[in-house]
Amino acid sequence: MALLNDAAWLSFIGAFAPAMMQSLVIGIAVIGDHSERPVFPRWVAYFNFWAALLFIPAGSCSSPRGPFAWNGIFPFWIPAAVFGGCSS
């Protein structure tokens, strides 16, 4: 039963890579918009780059308990807060 629980948490927390790539691509697209009236302001790109950087701790799931556990501060709560800020 613990194996299924671990597999579920890994698939849930393992979604940091697509979210990180999405933030990077949005940032690159905003920086690359050189039109007279850009669709998004420049700060959106920098916010997305910062969000992508803060998604990195999600890949640090290395222990069953503590700050690097699947539900710890680094792999779960920091990326959740950043994702919540990006999607608002």
C-alpha atoms as a PDB file:
ATOM      1  CA  MET A   1       0.000   0.000   0.000  1.00  0.00           C
ATOM      2  CA  ALA A   2       2.883   2.349   0.755  1.00  0.00           C
ATOM      3  CA  LEU A   3       4.239   1.740  -2.743  1.00  0.00           C
ATOM      4  CA  LEU A   4       1.018   3.023  -4.304  1.00  0.00           C
ATOM      5  CA  ASN A   5       1.051   6.031  -1.998  1.00  0.00           C
ATOM      6  CA  ASP A   6       4.646   6.816  -2.973  1.00  0.00           C
ATOM      7  CA  ALA A   7       3.858   6.396  -6.666  1.00  0.00           C
ATOM      8  CA  ALA A   8       0.914   8.778  -6.365  1.00  0.00           C
ATOM      9  CA  TRP A   9       3.007  11.415  -4.613  1.00  0.00           C
ATOM     10  CA  LEU A  10       5.796  11.114  -7.164  1.00  0.00           C
ATOM     11  CA  SER A  11       3.406  11.642 -10.051  1.00  0.00           C
ATOM     12  CA  PHE A  12       1.831  14.598  -8.238  1.00  0.00           C
ATOM     13  CA  ILE A  13       5.088  16.301  -7.255  1.00  0.00           C
ATOM     14  CA  GLY A  14       6.853  15.232 -10.461  1.00  0.00           C
ATOM     15  CA  ALA A  15       4.773  17.701 -12.441  1.00  0.00           C
ATOM     16  CA  PHE A  16       7.257  20.466 -11.633  1.00  0.00           C
ATOM     17  CA  ALA A  17       9.173  20.013 -14.892  1.00  0.00           C
ATOM     18  CA  PRO A  18       6.300  20.919 -17.259  1.00  0.00           C
ATOM     19  CA  ALA A  19       5.321  23.828 -15.016  1.00  0.00           C
ATOM     20  CA  MET A  20       8.909  25.053 -15.006  1.00  0.00           C
ATOM     21  CA  MET A  21       9.150  24.786 -18.795  1.00  0.00           C
ATOM     22  CA  GLN A  22       5.839  26.622 -19.166  1.00  0.00           C
ATOM     23  CA  SER A  23       7.141  29.506 -17.060  1.00  0.00           C
ATOM     24  CA  LEU A  24      10.369  29.649 -19.057  1.00  0.00           C
ATOM     25  CA  VAL A  25       8.578  29.623 -22.419  1.00  0.00           C
ATOM     26  CA  ILE A  26       6.156  32.352 -21.348  1.00  0.00           C
ATOM     27  CA  GLY A  27       9.082  34.468 -20.147  1.00  0.00           C
ATOM     28  CA  ILE A  28      10.966  33.979 -23.413  1.00  0.00           C
ATOM     29  CA  ALA A  29       7.851  34.835 -25.440  1.00  0.00           C
ATOM     30  CA  VAL A  30       7.266  38.033 -23.478  1.00  0.00           C
ATOM     31  CA  ILE A  31      10.913  39.088 -23.804  1.00  0.00           C
ATOM     32  CA  GLY A  32      10.815  38.295 -27.534  1.00  0.00           C
ATOM     33  CA  ASP A  33       7.794  40.537 -28.201  1.00  0.00           C
ATOM     34  CA  HIS A  34       9.348  43.611 -29.786  1.00  0.00           C
ATOM     35  CA  SER A  35       6.125  45.084 -31.137  1.00  0.00           C
ATOM     36  CA  GLU A  36       5.157  48.689 -30.575  1.00  0.00           C
ATOM     37  CA  ARG A  37       2.460  47.686 -28.070  1.00  0.00           C
ATOM     38  CA  PRO A  38       3.552  44.418 -26.386  1.00  0.00           C
ATOM     39  CA  VAL A  39       0.838  42.046 -25.229  1.00  0.00           C
ATOM     40  CA  PHE A  40       2.314  41.713 -21.716  1.00  0.00           C
ATOM     41  CA  PRO A  41       4.498  44.112 -19.751  1.00  0.00           C
ATOM     42  CA  ARG A  42       8.155  43.247 -19.272  1.00  0.00           C
ATOM     43  CA  TRP A  43       7.753  42.401 -15.584  1.00  0.00           C
ATOM     44  CA  VAL A  44       5.629  39.370 -16.523  1.00  0.00           C
ATOM     45  CA  ALA A  45       8.683  37.796 -18.156  1.00  0.00           C
ATOM     46  CA  TYR A  46      10.869  38.370 -15.121  1.00  0.00           C
ATOM     47  CA  PHE A  47       8.155  37.020 -12.831  1.00  0.00           C
ATOM     48  CA  ASN A  48       7.960  33.855 -14.940  1.00  0.00           C
ATOM     49  CA  PHE A  49      11.734  33.416 -14.872  1.00  0.00           C
ATOM     50  CA  TRP A  50      11.643  33.797 -11.092  1.00  0.00           C
ATOM     51  CA  ALA A  51       8.787  31.289 -10.879  1.00  0.00           C
ATOM     52  CA  ALA A  52      10.753  28.779 -12.975  1.00  0.00           C
ATOM     53  CA  LEU A  53      13.723  29.182 -10.660  1.00  0.00           C
ATOM     54  CA  LEU A  54      11.532  28.566  -7.631  1.00  0.00           C
ATOM     55  CA  PHE A  55      10.116  25.377  -9.168  1.00  0.00           C
ATOM     56  CA  ILE A  56      13.555  23.737  -8.916  1.00  0.00           C
ATOM     57  CA  PRO A  57      13.118  22.647  -5.261  1.00  0.00           C
ATOM     58  CA  ALA A  58      10.252  20.424  -6.368  1.00  0.00           C
ATOM     59  CA  GLY A  59      12.838  18.066  -7.833  1.00  0.00           C
ATOM     60  CA  SER A  60      14.495  17.597  -4.469  1.00  0.00           C
ATOM     61  CA  CYS A  61      12.178  14.887  -3.123  1.00  0.00           C
ATOM     62  CA  SER A  62      14.799  12.789  -1.412  1.00  0.00           C
ATOM     63  CA  SER A  63      13.596  11.788   2.039  1.00  0.00           C
ATOM     64  CA  PRO A  64      10.395  10.402   3.544  1.00  0.00           C
ATOM     65  CA  ARG A  65      10.205  13.121   6.251  1.00  0.00           C
ATOM     66  CA  GLY A  66      11.360  16.648   6.834  1.00  0.00           C
ATOM     67  CA  PRO A  67      11.735  19.679   4.564  1.00  0.00           C
ATOM     68  CA  PHE A  68      12.771  17.559   1.546  1.00  0.00           C
ATOM     69  CA  ALA A  69       9.890  15.084   1.865  1.00  0.00           C
ATOM     70  CA  TRP A  70       7.209  14.996  -0.833  1.00  0.00           C
ATOM     71  CA  ASN A  71       4.985  17.218   1.269  1.00  0.00           C
ATOM     72  CA  GLY A  72       7.822  19.294   2.763  1.00  0.00           C
ATOM     73  CA  ILE A  73       8.450  22.992   2.389  1.00  0.00           C
ATOM     74  CA  PHE A  74      10.929  22.773  -0.495  1.00  0.00           C
ATOM     75  CA  PRO A  75       9.363  20.225  -2.859  1.00  0.00           C
ATOM     76  CA  PHE A  76       5.700  21.071  -2.200  1.00  0.00           C
ATOM     77  CA  TRP A  77       4.882  24.365  -0.513  1.00  0.00           C
ATOM     78  CA  ILE A  78       7.280  26.710  -2.314  1.00  0.00           C
ATOM     79  CA  PRO A  79       6.249  25.485  -5.809  1.00  0.00           C
ATOM     80  CA  ALA A  80       2.575  25.476  -4.792  1.00  0.00           C
ATOM     81  CA  ALA A  81       2.811  29.097  -3.686  1.00  0.00           C
ATOM     82  CA  VAL A  82       4.621  30.102  -6.879  1.00  0.00           C
ATOM     83  CA  PHE A  83       2.148  28.254  -9.086  1.00  0.00           C
ATOM     84  CA  GLY A  84      -0.725  29.864  -7.211  1.00  0.00           C
ATOM     85  CA  GLY A  85       0.848  33.272  -7.795  1.00  0.00           C
ATOM     86  CA  CYS A  86       1.420  32.617 -11.510  1.00  0.00           C
ATOM     87  CA  SER A  87      -2.095  31.397 -12.182  1.00  0.00           C
ATOM     88  CA  SER A  88      -3.866  34.241 -10.392  1.00  0.00           C
END
